[in-house]
Amino acid sequence: NKSRLKNYIISALESFKISPKLIGFDYLIEAIWRYFNYKGTHKSLSADIYPDIAKLFDTTPDNVEKSIRLAIKKANDSHPELFDIDVFKNCKVTSRTFVAYLSDDVVTNINLGLKNRLF
C-alpha cells in the first residue's frame, strides 16, 4: 500500500527532525519514494527524480534540489547527533546519501519482516 509506505517515509524523516513545515519535506517524501521504486534502474536524482517531482509540484528541478538540500542541512545543523551514524561518518550529508540511505532503510525494514506493518 503506497500510503502506508509513504507514512513510513514520513516517520523516518521526522525521526531525523526534518520539519514538515518545509517544502523540502514534501519533496523528500517523493524523492525517497521514487528512489525506492527505481532501485536497480540507475535513476539519477538530478536527471530523473527531481524533474519528476518538479512537474508534480509545478516548480523547477533546481527548486526541488535546493529545498531538499536546505531541509537536510537545517535538521543536520540543529540535531547533528541524529546524523551521527555509520553511513554519514566522515562525510558531508548530501541529498544523494540521505535519500539513498532512507530508501535502503525502507527496503531493509521490509526484508526484516516489518512488511506487515508497512502494508
N, C-alpha and C. Protein backbone atom coordinates (compact mmCIF):
# COMPACT_ATOMS: atom_id res chain seq x y z
N ASN A 1 0.85 -1.19 0.00
CA ASN A 1 0.00 0.00 0.00
C ASN A 1 0.89 1.24 0.00
N LYS A 2 0.70 2.05 -1.02
CA LYS A 2 1.54 3.23 -1.21
C LYS A 2 1.43 4.21 -0.04
N SER A 3 0.25 4.42 0.47
CA SER A 3 0.09 5.41 1.56
C SER A 3 0.77 4.95 2.85
N ARG A 4 0.73 3.66 3.13
CA ARG A 4 1.42 3.17 4.34
C ARG A 4 2.93 3.29 4.19
N LEU A 5 3.42 3.02 3.01
CA LEU A 5 4.85 3.15 2.75
C LEU A 5 5.27 4.62 2.89
N LYS A 6 4.45 5.51 2.34
CA LYS A 6 4.75 6.94 2.47
C LYS A 6 4.68 7.38 3.93
N ASN A 7 3.77 6.81 4.70
CA ASN A 7 3.72 7.13 6.13
C ASN A 7 4.99 6.67 6.85
N TYR A 8 5.53 5.54 6.43
CA TYR A 8 6.80 5.08 7.00
C TYR A 8 7.92 6.07 6.66
N ILE A 9 7.93 6.55 5.42
CA ILE A 9 8.94 7.53 5.00
C ILE A 9 8.79 8.81 5.81
N ILE A 10 7.56 9.25 6.03
CA ILE A 10 7.31 10.45 6.84
C ILE A 10 7.85 10.26 8.25
N SER A 11 7.58 9.11 8.85
CA SER A 11 8.10 8.82 10.20
C SER A 11 9.62 8.85 10.23
N ALA A 12 10.23 8.30 9.18
CA ALA A 12 11.70 8.29 9.11
C ALA A 12 12.24 9.71 9.02
N LEU A 13 11.61 10.55 8.20
CA LEU A 13 12.03 11.95 8.08
C LEU A 13 11.86 12.67 9.41
N GLU A 14 10.76 12.43 10.08
CA GLU A 14 10.51 13.06 11.38
C GLU A 14 11.52 12.59 12.42
N SER A 15 12.00 11.35 12.30
CA SER A 15 12.99 10.85 13.25
C SER A 15 14.32 11.59 13.10
N PHE A 16 14.55 12.17 11.91
CA PHE A 16 15.74 13.00 11.70
C PHE A 16 15.44 14.48 11.96
N LYS A 17 14.25 14.75 12.49
CA LYS A 17 13.83 16.11 12.85
C LYS A 17 13.77 17.04 11.63
N ILE A 18 13.42 16.49 10.49
CA ILE A 18 13.20 17.33 9.31
C ILE A 18 11.78 17.88 9.45
N SER A 19 11.67 19.18 9.41
CA SER A 19 10.40 19.84 9.68
C SER A 19 9.40 19.65 8.55
N PRO A 20 8.20 19.15 8.88
CA PRO A 20 7.14 19.02 7.88
C PRO A 20 6.66 20.38 7.35
N LYS A 21 7.07 21.45 8.03
CA LYS A 21 6.68 22.80 7.58
C LYS A 21 7.48 23.24 6.36
N LEU A 22 8.60 22.59 6.11
CA LEU A 22 9.44 22.94 4.96
C LEU A 22 8.96 22.22 3.71
N ILE A 23 8.94 22.92 2.59
CA ILE A 23 8.55 22.30 1.32
C ILE A 23 9.50 21.16 0.97
N GLY A 24 10.75 21.26 1.41
CA GLY A 24 11.71 20.18 1.18
C GLY A 24 11.27 18.87 1.79
N PHE A 25 10.47 18.92 2.84
CA PHE A 25 9.94 17.72 3.48
C PHE A 25 9.07 16.95 2.47
N ASP A 26 8.15 17.66 1.82
CA ASP A 26 7.28 17.02 0.82
C ASP A 26 8.08 16.50 -0.37
N TYR A 27 9.08 17.27 -0.77
CA TYR A 27 9.92 16.84 -1.88
C TYR A 27 10.72 15.59 -1.49
N LEU A 28 11.19 15.54 -0.25
CA LEU A 28 11.94 14.37 0.22
C LEU A 28 11.07 13.11 0.22
N ILE A 29 9.83 13.25 0.63
CA ILE A 29 8.92 12.09 0.61
C ILE A 29 8.88 11.52 -0.81
N GLU A 30 8.67 12.39 -1.77
CA GLU A 30 8.59 11.96 -3.17
C GLU A 30 9.92 11.41 -3.66
N ALA A 31 11.02 12.07 -3.30
CA ALA A 31 12.34 11.62 -3.76
C ALA A 31 12.66 10.22 -3.23
N ILE A 32 12.41 10.01 -1.94
CA ILE A 32 12.69 8.70 -1.34
C ILE A 32 11.78 7.64 -1.95
N TRP A 33 10.51 7.97 -2.10
CA TRP A 33 9.54 7.04 -2.71
C TRP A 33 9.98 6.64 -4.12
N ARG A 34 10.36 7.64 -4.92
CA ARG A 34 10.75 7.37 -6.30
C ARG A 34 12.09 6.61 -6.35
N TYR A 35 13.04 7.01 -5.51
CA TYR A 35 14.34 6.32 -5.46
C TYR A 35 14.11 4.86 -5.09
N PHE A 36 13.26 4.61 -4.12
CA PHE A 36 12.90 3.26 -3.69
C PHE A 36 12.32 2.46 -4.86
N ASN A 37 11.44 3.08 -5.62
CA ASN A 37 10.80 2.39 -6.73
C ASN A 37 11.70 2.22 -7.95
N TYR A 38 12.72 3.08 -8.08
CA TYR A 38 13.65 2.99 -9.20
C TYR A 38 14.84 2.10 -8.89
N LYS A 39 14.89 1.49 -7.72
CA LYS A 39 16.03 0.67 -7.32
C LYS A 39 16.46 -0.26 -8.45
N GLY A 40 17.73 -0.24 -8.75
CA GLY A 40 18.27 -1.14 -9.76
C GLY A 40 18.15 -0.62 -11.19
N THR A 41 17.55 0.56 -11.37
CA THR A 41 17.40 1.07 -12.72
C THR A 41 18.32 2.25 -12.99
N HIS A 42 19.19 2.55 -12.05
CA HIS A 42 20.20 3.61 -12.21
C HIS A 42 19.60 4.97 -12.51
N LYS A 43 18.56 5.33 -11.81
CA LYS A 43 17.96 6.65 -11.98
C LYS A 43 18.76 7.66 -11.17
N SER A 44 18.91 8.82 -11.72
CA SER A 44 19.67 9.90 -11.08
C SER A 44 18.70 10.86 -10.40
N LEU A 45 19.10 11.36 -9.22
CA LEU A 45 18.26 12.36 -8.55
C LEU A 45 18.09 13.58 -9.45
N SER A 46 19.20 14.15 -9.89
CA SER A 46 19.12 15.41 -10.64
C SER A 46 18.55 15.23 -12.05
N ALA A 47 18.84 14.14 -12.70
CA ALA A 47 18.40 13.97 -14.09
C ALA A 47 17.01 13.35 -14.21
N ASP A 48 16.62 12.51 -13.25
CA ASP A 48 15.36 11.77 -13.38
C ASP A 48 14.32 12.12 -12.31
N ILE A 49 14.76 12.09 -11.07
CA ILE A 49 13.80 12.20 -9.96
C ILE A 49 13.39 13.65 -9.71
N TYR A 50 14.34 14.58 -9.63
CA TYR A 50 13.98 15.98 -9.38
C TYR A 50 13.06 16.55 -10.46
N PRO A 51 13.32 16.28 -11.75
CA PRO A 51 12.38 16.78 -12.77
C PRO A 51 10.95 16.23 -12.60
N ASP A 52 10.84 14.96 -12.22
CA ASP A 52 9.51 14.37 -11.98
C ASP A 52 8.80 15.07 -10.82
N ILE A 53 9.54 15.32 -9.75
CA ILE A 53 8.96 16.00 -8.58
C ILE A 53 8.60 17.43 -8.94
N ALA A 54 9.44 18.08 -9.71
CA ALA A 54 9.17 19.47 -10.13
C ALA A 54 7.86 19.54 -10.91
N LYS A 55 7.62 18.60 -11.80
CA LYS A 55 6.36 18.57 -12.55
C LYS A 55 5.18 18.38 -11.61
N LEU A 56 5.34 17.47 -10.67
CA LEU A 56 4.26 17.17 -9.71
C LEU A 56 3.87 18.41 -8.90
N PHE A 57 4.88 19.19 -8.48
CA PHE A 57 4.65 20.36 -7.63
C PHE A 57 4.66 21.68 -8.39
N ASP A 58 4.72 21.61 -9.72
CA ASP A 58 4.72 22.81 -10.56
C ASP A 58 5.82 23.80 -10.16
N THR A 59 7.03 23.29 -10.14
CA THR A 59 8.20 24.10 -9.82
C THR A 59 9.34 23.66 -10.72
N THR A 60 10.56 24.06 -10.38
CA THR A 60 11.71 23.67 -11.20
C THR A 60 12.54 22.61 -10.48
N PRO A 61 13.29 21.81 -11.24
CA PRO A 61 14.18 20.83 -10.61
C PRO A 61 15.19 21.50 -9.67
N ASP A 62 15.66 22.69 -10.02
CA ASP A 62 16.60 23.41 -9.15
C ASP A 62 15.96 23.76 -7.81
N ASN A 63 14.69 24.17 -7.82
CA ASN A 63 13.99 24.46 -6.56
C ASN A 63 13.82 23.21 -5.72
N VAL A 64 13.54 22.10 -6.37
CA VAL A 64 13.40 20.83 -5.66
C VAL A 64 14.73 20.48 -4.98
N GLU A 65 15.81 20.54 -5.75
CA GLU A 65 17.14 20.20 -5.20
C GLU A 65 17.50 21.11 -4.04
N LYS A 66 17.30 22.40 -4.21
CA LYS A 66 17.66 23.36 -3.17
C LYS A 66 16.82 23.16 -1.91
N SER A 67 15.53 22.94 -2.07
CA SER A 67 14.65 22.76 -0.92
C SER A 67 14.99 21.50 -0.14
N ILE A 68 15.32 20.43 -0.85
CA ILE A 68 15.72 19.18 -0.19
C ILE A 68 17.04 19.39 0.55
N ARG A 69 17.99 20.01 -0.12
CA ARG A 69 19.31 20.26 0.50
C ARG A 69 19.16 21.09 1.77
N LEU A 70 18.34 22.14 1.71
CA LEU A 70 18.16 23.01 2.88
C LEU A 70 17.43 22.30 4.02
N ALA A 71 16.46 21.48 3.70
CA ALA A 71 15.74 20.74 4.75
C ALA A 71 16.69 19.80 5.49
N ILE A 72 17.54 19.11 4.74
CA ILE A 72 18.51 18.19 5.36
C ILE A 72 19.54 18.98 6.17
N LYS A 73 20.02 20.09 5.62
CA LYS A 73 21.02 20.90 6.30
C LYS A 73 20.48 21.48 7.61
N LYS A 74 19.26 22.00 7.59
CA LYS A 74 18.66 22.55 8.81
C LYS A 74 18.57 21.49 9.90
N ALA A 75 18.10 20.31 9.53
CA ALA A 75 17.97 19.23 10.51
C ALA A 75 19.34 18.79 11.02
N ASN A 76 20.31 18.67 10.12
CA ASN A 76 21.66 18.25 10.50
C ASN A 76 22.32 19.30 11.39
N ASP A 77 22.14 20.58 11.08
CA ASP A 77 22.72 21.64 11.90
C ASP A 77 22.09 21.69 13.29
N SER A 78 20.78 21.46 13.37
CA SER A 78 20.07 21.52 14.65
C SER A 78 20.22 20.26 15.48
N HIS A 79 20.36 19.12 14.82
CA HIS A 79 20.42 17.83 15.53
C HIS A 79 21.51 16.94 14.94
N PRO A 80 22.77 17.37 15.04
CA PRO A 80 23.86 16.58 14.43
C PRO A 80 23.97 15.17 15.00
N GLU A 81 23.53 14.99 16.24
CA GLU A 81 23.60 13.66 16.85
C GLU A 81 22.75 12.63 16.11
N LEU A 82 21.68 13.08 15.47
CA LEU A 82 20.81 12.16 14.74
C LEU A 82 21.46 11.69 13.43
N PHE A 83 22.41 12.46 12.95
CA PHE A 83 23.10 12.13 11.71
C PHE A 83 24.44 11.46 11.99
N ASP A 84 24.70 11.17 13.25
CA ASP A 84 25.96 10.54 13.66
C ASP A 84 25.83 9.02 13.56
N ILE A 85 25.63 8.56 12.35
CA ILE A 85 25.50 7.13 12.09
C ILE A 85 26.55 6.75 11.04
N ASP A 86 26.84 5.47 10.97
CA ASP A 86 27.93 4.98 10.12
C ASP A 86 27.88 5.50 8.69
N VAL A 87 26.71 5.49 8.09
CA VAL A 87 26.61 5.87 6.68
C VAL A 87 27.03 7.32 6.43
N PHE A 88 26.90 8.19 7.43
CA PHE A 88 27.25 9.59 7.27
C PHE A 88 28.58 9.96 7.92
N LYS A 89 29.24 9.00 8.56
CA LYS A 89 30.50 9.28 9.24
C LYS A 89 31.56 9.75 8.25
N ASN A 90 32.31 10.75 8.66
CA ASN A 90 33.43 11.27 7.88
C ASN A 90 33.04 11.75 6.47
N CYS A 91 31.80 12.14 6.30
CA CYS A 91 31.42 12.71 5.00
C CYS A 91 30.27 13.69 5.21
N LYS A 92 30.12 14.55 4.26
CA LYS A 92 29.03 15.51 4.29
C LYS A 92 27.73 14.78 4.00
N VAL A 93 26.67 15.11 4.72
CA VAL A 93 25.37 14.50 4.47
C VAL A 93 24.78 15.21 3.25
N THR A 94 24.82 14.54 2.12
CA THR A 94 24.29 15.11 0.89
C THR A 94 22.87 14.62 0.65
N SER A 95 22.19 15.27 -0.25
CA SER A 95 20.84 14.83 -0.62
C SER A 95 20.89 13.38 -1.12
N ARG A 96 21.89 13.11 -1.93
CA ARG A 96 22.00 11.75 -2.50
C ARG A 96 22.23 10.70 -1.42
N THR A 97 23.17 10.95 -0.50
CA THR A 97 23.42 9.95 0.54
C THR A 97 22.22 9.79 1.46
N PHE A 98 21.54 10.90 1.75
CA PHE A 98 20.38 10.84 2.64
C PHE A 98 19.22 10.09 1.99
N VAL A 99 18.90 10.43 0.74
CA VAL A 99 17.81 9.75 0.04
C VAL A 99 18.13 8.27 -0.15
N ALA A 100 19.35 7.96 -0.53
CA ALA A 100 19.74 6.57 -0.72
C ALA A 100 19.66 5.80 0.60
N TYR A 101 20.13 6.42 1.69
CA TYR A 101 20.08 5.76 3.00
C TYR A 101 18.65 5.45 3.40
N LEU A 102 17.75 6.43 3.30
CA LEU A 102 16.37 6.19 3.72
C LEU A 102 15.67 5.21 2.79
N SER A 103 15.99 5.23 1.52
CA SER A 103 15.42 4.26 0.58
C SER A 103 15.88 2.86 0.96
N ASP A 104 17.17 2.71 1.26
CA ASP A 104 17.70 1.41 1.69
C ASP A 104 17.09 0.99 3.02
N ASP A 105 16.82 1.95 3.90
CA ASP A 105 16.19 1.66 5.18
C ASP A 105 14.80 1.07 4.98
N VAL A 106 14.05 1.61 4.02
CA VAL A 106 12.72 1.08 3.71
C VAL A 106 12.85 -0.36 3.24
N VAL A 107 13.78 -0.63 2.32
CA VAL A 107 14.00 -1.98 1.81
C VAL A 107 14.38 -2.92 2.94
N THR A 108 15.32 -2.49 3.79
CA THR A 108 15.78 -3.31 4.91
C THR A 108 14.63 -3.67 5.84
N ASN A 109 13.82 -2.69 6.19
CA ASN A 109 12.71 -2.95 7.11
C ASN A 109 11.66 -3.85 6.50
N ILE A 110 11.46 -3.73 5.21
CA ILE A 110 10.52 -4.64 4.54
C ILE A 110 11.09 -6.06 4.58
N ASN A 111 12.39 -6.19 4.31
CA ASN A 111 13.03 -7.51 4.31
C ASN A 111 13.15 -8.11 5.70
N LEU A 112 13.14 -7.29 6.74
CA LEU A 112 13.23 -7.80 8.11
C LEU A 112 11.89 -8.23 8.68
N GLY A 113 10.87 -8.15 7.85
CA GLY A 113 9.58 -8.62 8.31
C GLY A 113 8.65 -7.53 8.80
N LEU A 114 9.07 -6.28 8.70
CA LEU A 114 8.19 -5.20 9.08
C LEU A 114 7.19 -4.92 7.96
N LYS A 115 7.29 -5.72 6.92
CA LYS A 115 6.41 -5.57 5.77
C LYS A 115 4.94 -5.57 6.23
N ASN A 116 4.62 -6.42 7.17
CA ASN A 116 3.22 -6.48 7.64
C ASN A 116 2.79 -5.17 8.27
N ARG A 117 3.72 -4.48 8.91
CA ARG A 117 3.43 -3.18 9.50
C ARG A 117 3.25 -2.12 8.43
N LEU A 118 4.02 -2.24 7.35
CA LEU A 118 4.00 -1.21 6.31
C LEU A 118 2.84 -1.40 5.33
N PHE A 119 2.50 -2.64 5.07
CA PHE A 119 1.48 -2.89 4.03
C PHE A 119 0.30 -3.51 4.64
